[in-house]
């Protein structure tokens, strides 16, 4: 098995998810509280002793039948591999929030200037057709809004390499319209709409797009969106 590293920052359900992961996979390690998504993944790579390592996000609730048993062929050791995840609000199933298998050395050398962390590591990207987790980001108003906002900025601005336009448009439609009846669903939809607008407005402005990785800035945008203080 490859090393497993759990990355958490301020997710309200991180402790619960970490405990559950650790009970099932005792060798799992953790990176907590590192500011900046890219830097947190670099720290995770430093903890790993295997050529590839698994990354589990702090809001990921691993499915009962996912066991991290996956072997990469030599020709794919320089690729990013992403499992599928279930969105608890709108039901979308794709790589958003899914467990990732990353090449250690390339992660240590990743391009820190790119908006999307996953595609800043390698130009090779493979989808693992297995459901790994539920991305339980709908834990409170801000975290729900933030997650939807960030994802829809990336979708709308086309910052994710090799996006399929039809697939992207469908995902944006679902993010911005479906699930208001779910817990914190209205915050997800409002964040998705704001993220889509921001992504379209700043698609040619790399500095503006990088702001979605600044959680202090995201809190300010949330406050503006809801006139919340």
C-alpha atoms as a PDB file:
ATOM      1  CA  UNK A   1       0.000   0.000   0.000  1.00  0.00           C
ATOM      2  CA  UNK A   2       1.000   3.577  -0.567  1.00  0.00           C
ATOM      3  CA  UNK A   3       1.181   5.984   2.355  1.00  0.00           C
ATOM      4  CA  UNK A   4      -2.073   7.691   3.340  1.00  0.00           C
ATOM      5  CA  UNK A   5      -2.012  11.326   4.491  1.00  0.00           C
ATOM      6  CA  UNK A   6      -5.059  13.133   5.872  1.00  0.00           C
ATOM      7  CA  UNK A   7      -4.959  16.898   5.265  1.00  0.00           C
ATOM      8  CA  UNK A   8      -7.118  19.140   7.431  1.00  0.00           C
ATOM      9  CA  UNK A   9      -7.319  22.843   8.158  1.00  0.00           C
ATOM     10  CA  UNK A  10     -10.481  24.187   9.803  1.00  0.00           C
ATOM     11  CA  UNK A  11     -13.103  21.689   8.687  1.00  0.00           C
ATOM     12  CA  UNK A  12     -15.687  21.272  11.494  1.00  0.00           C
ATOM     13  CA  UNK A  13     -15.903  17.514  10.896  1.00  0.00           C
ATOM     14  CA  UNK A  14     -12.151  16.928  10.483  1.00  0.00           C
ATOM     15  CA  UNK A  15     -11.626  15.258  13.868  1.00  0.00           C
ATOM     16  CA  UNK A  16     -14.502  12.862  13.307  1.00  0.00           C
ATOM     17  CA  UNK A  17     -13.296  11.986   9.807  1.00  0.00           C
ATOM     18  CA  UNK A  18      -9.698  11.578  10.966  1.00  0.00           C
ATOM     19  CA  UNK A  19     -10.705   9.255  13.802  1.00  0.00           C
ATOM     20  CA  UNK A  20     -12.739   7.109  11.430  1.00  0.00           C
ATOM     21  CA  UNK A  21      -9.885   6.908   8.893  1.00  0.00           C
ATOM     22  CA  UNK A  22      -7.297   6.113  11.560  1.00  0.00           C
ATOM     23  CA  UNK A  23      -9.389   3.316  13.040  1.00  0.00           C
ATOM     24  CA  UNK A  24      -9.652   1.580   9.685  1.00  0.00           C
ATOM     25  CA  UNK A  25      -6.142   2.402   8.454  1.00  0.00           C
ATOM     26  CA  UNK A  26      -3.823   2.771  11.481  1.00  0.00           C
ATOM     27  CA  UNK A  27      -0.751   3.734   9.437  1.00  0.00           C
ATOM     28  CA  UNK A  28      -2.441   6.873   8.086  1.00  0.00           C
ATOM     29  CA  UNK A  29      -0.645  10.138   8.869  1.00  0.00           C
ATOM     30  CA  UNK A  30      -1.965  13.669   9.234  1.00  0.00           C
ATOM     31  CA  UNK A  31      -1.062  17.197   8.188  1.00  0.00           C
ATOM     32  CA  UNK A  32      -3.110  19.774  10.065  1.00  0.00           C
ATOM     33  CA  UNK A  33      -3.274  23.550  10.122  1.00  0.00           C
ATOM     34  CA  UNK A  34      -0.895  24.348   7.257  1.00  0.00           C
ATOM     35  CA  UNK A  35      -2.082  27.579   5.662  1.00  0.00           C
ATOM     36  CA  UNK A  36      -2.343  27.263   1.908  1.00  0.00           C
ATOM     37  CA  UNK A  37      -3.605  24.251  -0.019  1.00  0.00           C
ATOM     38  CA  UNK A  38      -0.465  23.847  -2.101  1.00  0.00           C
ATOM     39  CA  UNK A  39       1.853  24.054   0.905  1.00  0.00           C
ATOM     40  CA  UNK A  40      -0.269  21.576   2.842  1.00  0.00           C
ATOM     41  CA  UNK A  41       0.172  19.035   0.048  1.00  0.00           C
ATOM     42  CA  UNK A  42       3.905  19.667  -0.086  1.00  0.00           C
ATOM     43  CA  UNK A  43       4.028  18.941   3.646  1.00  0.00           C
ATOM     44  CA  UNK A  44       2.050  15.760   3.068  1.00  0.00           C
ATOM     45  CA  UNK A  45       4.555  14.663   0.432  1.00  0.00           C
ATOM     46  CA  UNK A  46       7.375  15.206   2.917  1.00  0.00           C
ATOM     47  CA  UNK A  47       5.681  12.833   5.352  1.00  0.00           C
ATOM     48  CA  UNK A  48       5.403  10.092   2.765  1.00  0.00           C
ATOM     49  CA  UNK A  49       8.081   7.455   2.234  1.00  0.00           C
ATOM     50  CA  UNK A  50       6.463   5.845  -0.830  1.00  0.00           C
ATOM     51  CA  UNK A  51       6.748   6.919  -4.480  1.00  0.00           C
ATOM     52  CA  UNK A  52       3.023   7.630  -4.558  1.00  0.00           C
ATOM     53  CA  UNK A  53       0.854   8.699  -1.634  1.00  0.00           C
ATOM     54  CA  UNK A  54      -2.854   8.992  -0.991  1.00  0.00           C
ATOM     55  CA  UNK A  55      -4.404  12.297   0.096  1.00  0.00           C
ATOM     56  CA  UNK A  56      -7.660  12.384   2.038  1.00  0.00           C
ATOM     57  CA  UNK A  57      -9.250  15.803   2.550  1.00  0.00           C
ATOM     58  CA  UNK A  58     -10.439  16.907   5.971  1.00  0.00           C
ATOM     59  CA  UNK A  59     -14.112  16.878   4.966  1.00  0.00           C
ATOM     60  CA  UNK A  60     -13.923  13.449   3.296  1.00  0.00           C
ATOM     61  CA  UNK A  61     -16.069  10.704   4.757  1.00  0.00           C
ATOM     62  CA  UNK A  62     -14.555   7.508   3.330  1.00  0.00           C
ATOM     63  CA  UNK A  63     -17.051   4.947   2.033  1.00  0.00           C
ATOM     64  CA  UNK A  64     -17.182   1.619   3.852  1.00  0.00           C
ATOM     65  CA  UNK A  65     -15.930  -0.402   0.868  1.00  0.00           C
ATOM     66  CA  UNK A  66     -13.007   1.811  -0.165  1.00  0.00           C
ATOM     67  CA  UNK A  67      -9.709   0.196   0.860  1.00  0.00           C
ATOM     68  CA  UNK A  68      -6.898   2.134  -0.908  1.00  0.00           C
ATOM     69  CA  UNK A  69      -5.851  -1.037  -2.752  1.00  0.00           C
ATOM     70  CA  UNK A  70      -4.650   0.313  -6.063  1.00  0.00           C
ATOM     71  CA  UNK A  71      -1.338  -0.199  -7.810  1.00  0.00           C
ATOM     72  CA  UNK A  72       0.125   2.180 -10.354  1.00  0.00           C
ATOM     73  CA  UNK A  73       2.062   0.846 -13.332  1.00  0.00           C
ATOM     74  CA  UNK A  74       5.571   2.229 -13.831  1.00  0.00           C
ATOM     75  CA  UNK A  75       4.520   4.333 -16.817  1.00  0.00           C
ATOM     76  CA  UNK A  76       1.932   6.133 -14.658  1.00  0.00           C
ATOM     77  CA  UNK A  77       4.078   6.959 -11.637  1.00  0.00           C
ATOM     78  CA  UNK A  78       4.246  10.571 -12.836  1.00  0.00           C
ATOM     79  CA  UNK A  79       0.463  10.989 -13.090  1.00  0.00           C
ATOM     80  CA  UNK A  80      -2.142  12.353 -10.696  1.00  0.00           C
ATOM     81  CA  UNK A  81      -4.866   9.791  -9.988  1.00  0.00           C
ATOM     82  CA  UNK A  82      -8.221  10.967  -8.640  1.00  0.00           C
ATOM     83  CA  UNK A  83     -11.076   8.871  -7.291  1.00  0.00           C
ATOM     84  CA  UNK A  84     -14.709   9.862  -7.487  1.00  0.00           C
ATOM     85  CA  UNK A  85     -16.633  11.504  -4.677  1.00  0.00           C
ATOM     86  CA  UNK A  86     -20.311  12.065  -3.942  1.00  0.00           C
ATOM     87  CA  UNK A  87     -21.569  15.613  -3.446  1.00  0.00           C
ATOM     88  CA  UNK A  88     -24.061  15.432  -0.526  1.00  0.00           C
ATOM     89  CA  UNK A  89     -26.065  18.457  -1.674  1.00  0.00           C
ATOM     90  CA  UNK A  90     -26.594  18.055  -5.414  1.00  0.00           C
ATOM     91  CA  UNK A  91     -25.675  14.393  -6.000  1.00  0.00           C
ATOM     92  CA  UNK A  92     -22.904  15.019  -8.512  1.00  0.00           C
ATOM     93  CA  UNK A  93     -20.304  12.241  -8.647  1.00  0.00           C
ATOM     94  CA  UNK A  94     -16.888  13.181 -10.023  1.00  0.00           C
ATOM     95  CA  UNK A  95     -13.398  14.037  -8.828  1.00  0.00           C
ATOM     96  CA  UNK A  96     -14.343  17.049  -6.719  1.00  0.00           C
ATOM     97  CA  UNK A  97     -13.161  16.276  -3.176  1.00  0.00           C
ATOM     98  CA  UNK A  98     -12.246  12.708  -4.097  1.00  0.00           C
ATOM     99  CA  UNK A  99      -9.322  10.801  -2.621  1.00  0.00           C
ATOM    100  CA  UNK A 100      -6.191  11.475  -4.655  1.00  0.00           C
ATOM    101  CA  UNK A 101      -3.077   9.428  -5.355  1.00  0.00           C
ATOM    102  CA  UNK A 102      -0.145  11.750  -6.015  1.00  0.00           C
ATOM    103  CA  UNK A 103       3.448  11.255  -7.168  1.00  0.00           C
ATOM    104  CA  UNK A 104       5.607  12.232  -4.204  1.00  0.00           C
ATOM    105  CA  UNK A 105       8.546  13.878  -6.005  1.00  0.00           C
ATOM    106  CA  UNK A 106       6.373  15.894  -8.392  1.00  0.00           C
ATOM    107  CA  UNK A 107       4.221  17.082  -5.495  1.00  0.00           C
ATOM    108  CA  UNK A 108       7.326  18.367  -3.739  1.00  0.00           C
ATOM    109  CA  UNK A 109       8.164  20.299  -6.916  1.00  0.00           C
ATOM    110  CA  UNK A 110       4.647  21.487  -7.785  1.00  0.00           C
ATOM    111  CA  UNK A 111       3.950  24.858  -9.372  1.00  0.00           C
ATOM    112  CA  UNK A 112       2.742  26.963  -6.450  1.00  0.00           C
ATOM    113  CA  UNK A 113       1.426  29.709  -8.741  1.00  0.00           C
ATOM    114  CA  UNK A 114      -1.400  27.700 -10.317  1.00  0.00           C
ATOM    115  CA  UNK A 115      -4.943  28.087  -9.008  1.00  0.00           C
ATOM    116  CA  UNK A 116      -5.889  24.412  -9.119  1.00  0.00           C
ATOM    117  CA  UNK A 117      -3.633  22.324  -6.894  1.00  0.00           C
ATOM    118  CA  UNK A 118      -4.210  18.938  -8.515  1.00  0.00           C
ATOM    119  CA  UNK A 119      -3.351  20.009 -12.050  1.00  0.00           C
ATOM    120  CA  UNK A 120      -0.291  21.955 -10.869  1.00  0.00           C
ATOM    121  CA  UNK A 121       1.520  18.700 -10.099  1.00  0.00           C
ATOM    122  CA  UNK A 122       1.514  16.858 -13.423  1.00  0.00           C
ATOM    123  CA  UNK A 123       0.202  17.173 -16.969  1.00  0.00           C
ATOM    124  CA  UNK A 124      -0.952  13.564 -16.706  1.00  0.00           C
ATOM    125  CA  UNK A 125      -4.314  12.954 -15.029  1.00  0.00           C
ATOM    126  CA  UNK A 126      -6.103   9.639 -14.524  1.00  0.00           C
ATOM    127  CA  UNK A 127      -9.588   9.036 -13.151  1.00  0.00           C
ATOM    128  CA  UNK A 128      -9.978   6.056 -10.829  1.00  0.00           C
ATOM    129  CA  UNK A 129     -13.506   4.820 -11.474  1.00  0.00           C
ATOM    130  CA  UNK A 130     -14.229   4.117  -7.815  1.00  0.00           C
ATOM    131  CA  UNK A 131     -16.333   6.038  -5.318  1.00  0.00           C
ATOM    132  CA  UNK A 132     -13.967   6.864  -2.477  1.00  0.00           C
ATOM    133  CA  UNK A 133     -15.944   9.173  -0.226  1.00  0.00           C
ATOM    134  CA  UNK A 134     -18.678  11.650   0.396  1.00  0.00           C
ATOM    135  CA  UNK A 135     -17.279  15.173   0.402  1.00  0.00           C
ATOM    136  CA  UNK A 136     -19.169  16.351   3.477  1.00  0.00           C
ATOM    137  CA  UNK A 137     -18.473  20.057   3.070  1.00  0.00           C
ATOM    138  CA  UNK A 138     -21.955  21.144   4.187  1.00  0.00           C
ATOM    139  CA  UNK A 139     -21.094  21.452   7.862  1.00  0.00           C
ATOM    140  CA  UNK A 140     -21.937  25.133   8.388  1.00  0.00           C
ATOM    141  CA  UNK A 141     -22.805  28.248   6.394  1.00  0.00           C
ATOM    142  CA  UNK A 142     -19.293  29.423   5.592  1.00  0.00           C
ATOM    143  CA  UNK A 143     -17.671  26.084   4.765  1.00  0.00           C
ATOM    144  CA  UNK A 144     -20.575  25.174   2.504  1.00  0.00           C
ATOM    145  CA  UNK A 145     -20.481  28.502   0.676  1.00  0.00           C
ATOM    146  CA  UNK A 146     -16.673  28.451   0.439  1.00  0.00           C
ATOM    147  CA  UNK A 147     -16.511  24.971  -1.069  1.00  0.00           C
ATOM    148  CA  UNK A 148     -19.128  25.727  -3.706  1.00  0.00           C
ATOM    149  CA  UNK A 149     -17.576  29.095  -4.512  1.00  0.00           C
ATOM    150  CA  UNK A 150     -14.067  27.703  -5.014  1.00  0.00           C
ATOM    151  CA  UNK A 151     -15.157  24.799  -7.186  1.00  0.00           C
ATOM    152  CA  UNK A 152     -17.360  26.937  -9.415  1.00  0.00           C
ATOM    153  CA  UNK A 153     -14.656  29.558  -9.859  1.00  0.00           C
ATOM    154  CA  UNK A 154     -12.389  26.808 -11.191  1.00  0.00           C
ATOM    155  CA  UNK A 155     -15.092  25.351 -13.402  1.00  0.00           C
ATOM    156  CA  UNK A 156     -16.233  28.688 -14.841  1.00  0.00           C
ATOM    157  CA  UNK A 157     -12.736  30.071 -15.442  1.00  0.00           C
ATOM    158  CA  UNK A 158     -11.544  26.805 -17.029  1.00  0.00           C
ATOM    159  CA  UNK A 159      -8.462  26.752 -14.798  1.00  0.00           C
ATOM    160  CA  UNK A 160      -8.619  22.964 -14.546  1.00  0.00           C
ATOM    161  CA  UNK A 161      -6.532  21.541 -17.370  1.00  0.00           C
ATOM    162  CA  UNK A 162      -8.260  19.334 -19.949  1.00  0.00           C
ATOM    163  CA  UNK A 163     -11.794  20.252 -18.904  1.00  0.00           C
ATOM    164  CA  UNK A 164     -14.589  18.970 -21.113  1.00  0.00           C
ATOM    165  CA  UNK A 165     -16.802  21.987 -21.891  1.00  0.00           C
ATOM    166  CA  UNK A 166     -20.110  20.094 -21.993  1.00  0.00           C
ATOM    167  CA  UNK A 167     -19.298  18.293 -18.760  1.00  0.00           C
ATOM    168  CA  UNK A 168     -18.231  21.540 -17.125  1.00  0.00           C
ATOM    169  CA  UNK A 169     -21.405  23.371 -18.145  1.00  0.00           C
ATOM    170  CA  UNK A 170     -23.550  20.561 -16.773  1.00  0.00           C
ATOM    171  CA  UNK A 171     -21.687  20.599 -13.460  1.00  0.00           C
ATOM    172  CA  UNK A 172     -22.060  24.366 -13.193  1.00  0.00           C
ATOM    173  CA  UNK A 173     -25.780  24.074 -13.894  1.00  0.00           C
ATOM    174  CA  UNK A 174     -26.230  21.474 -11.153  1.00  0.00           C
ATOM    175  CA  UNK A 175     -24.044  23.329  -8.627  1.00  0.00           C
ATOM    176  CA  UNK A 176     -26.030  26.552  -9.144  1.00  0.00           C
ATOM    177  CA  UNK A 177     -29.552  25.095  -9.125  1.00  0.00           C
ATOM    178  CA  UNK A 178     -29.851  21.790  -7.244  1.00  0.00           C
ATOM    179  CA  UNK A 179     -30.073  20.925  -3.549  1.00  0.00           C
ATOM    180  CA  UNK A 180     -31.567  23.892  -1.723  1.00  0.00           C
ATOM    181  CA  UNK A 181     -33.576  21.424   0.410  1.00  0.00           C
ATOM    182  CA  UNK A 182     -30.421  19.766   1.754  1.00  0.00           C
ATOM    183  CA  UNK A 183     -28.677  20.942   4.948  1.00  0.00           C
ATOM    184  CA  UNK A 184     -27.019  24.283   4.075  1.00  0.00           C
ATOM    185  CA  UNK A 185     -28.099  23.777   0.471  1.00  0.00           C
ATOM    186  CA  UNK A 186     -29.003  27.437  -0.016  1.00  0.00           C
ATOM    187  CA  UNK A 187     -25.437  28.401   0.939  1.00  0.00           C
ATOM    188  CA  UNK A 188     -24.035  25.956  -1.601  1.00  0.00           C
ATOM    189  CA  UNK A 189     -26.175  27.363  -4.390  1.00  0.00           C
ATOM    190  CA  UNK A 190     -25.426  30.962  -3.460  1.00  0.00           C
ATOM    191  CA  UNK A 191     -21.699  30.194  -3.270  1.00  0.00           C
ATOM    192  CA  UNK A 192     -21.837  28.389  -6.606  1.00  0.00           C
ATOM    193  CA  UNK A 193     -23.561  31.329  -8.303  1.00  0.00           C
ATOM    194  CA  UNK A 194     -21.058  33.799  -6.839  1.00  0.00           C
ATOM    195  CA  UNK A 195     -18.169  31.519  -7.812  1.00  0.00           C
ATOM    196  CA  UNK A 196     -19.398  31.146 -11.372  1.00  0.00           C
ATOM    197  CA  UNK A 197     -19.708  34.913 -11.728  1.00  0.00           C
ATOM    198  CA  UNK A 198     -16.262  35.503 -10.239  1.00  0.00           C
ATOM    199  CA  UNK A 199     -14.672  32.830 -12.425  1.00  0.00           C
ATOM    200  CA  UNK A 200     -16.168  34.206 -15.625  1.00  0.00           C
ATOM    201  CA  UNK A 201     -15.226  37.782 -14.723  1.00  0.00           C
ATOM    202  CA  UNK A 202     -11.627  36.876 -13.870  1.00  0.00           C
ATOM    203  CA  UNK A 203     -10.869  34.021 -16.282  1.00  0.00           C
ATOM    204  CA  UNK A 204      -7.952  35.996 -17.732  1.00  0.00           C
ATOM    205  CA  UNK A 205      -6.700  37.297 -14.384  1.00  0.00           C
ATOM    206  CA  UNK A 206      -4.447  34.685 -12.718  1.00  0.00           C
ATOM    207  CA  UNK A 207      -3.824  36.848  -9.649  1.00  0.00           C
ATOM    208  CA  UNK A 208      -7.541  37.220  -8.987  1.00  0.00           C
ATOM    209  CA  UNK A 209      -8.120  33.496  -9.462  1.00  0.00           C
ATOM    210  CA  UNK A 210      -5.369  32.645  -6.964  1.00  0.00           C
ATOM    211  CA  UNK A 211      -7.357  34.434  -4.263  1.00  0.00           C
ATOM    212  CA  UNK A 212      -9.676  31.419  -3.945  1.00  0.00           C
ATOM    213  CA  UNK A 213      -6.850  29.680  -2.070  1.00  0.00           C
ATOM    214  CA  UNK A 214      -6.755  32.474   0.534  1.00  0.00           C
ATOM    215  CA  UNK A 215      -9.221  31.511   3.252  1.00  0.00           C
ATOM    216  CA  UNK A 216      -9.117  34.950   4.920  1.00  0.00           C
ATOM    217  CA  UNK A 217     -10.176  36.523   1.620  1.00  0.00           C
ATOM    218  CA  UNK A 218     -12.891  33.895   1.214  1.00  0.00           C
ATOM    219  CA  UNK A 219     -14.353  34.828   4.596  1.00  0.00           C
ATOM    220  CA  UNK A 220     -14.522  38.436   3.416  1.00  0.00           C
ATOM    221  CA  UNK A 221     -16.333  37.413   0.216  1.00  0.00           C
ATOM    222  CA  UNK A 222     -18.764  35.312   2.229  1.00  0.00           C
ATOM    223  CA  UNK A 223     -19.524  38.280   4.465  1.00  0.00           C
ATOM    224  CA  UNK A 224     -20.192  40.467   1.445  1.00  0.00           C
ATOM    225  CA  UNK A 225     -22.401  37.851  -0.208  1.00  0.00           C
ATOM    226  CA  UNK A 226     -24.611  37.522   2.849  1.00  0.00           C
ATOM    227  CA  UNK A 227     -24.123  40.986   4.366  1.00  0.00           C
ATOM    228  CA  UNK A 228     -22.881  38.963   7.302  1.00  0.00           C
ATOM    229  CA  UNK A 229     -20.597  40.293  10.055  1.00  0.00           C
END
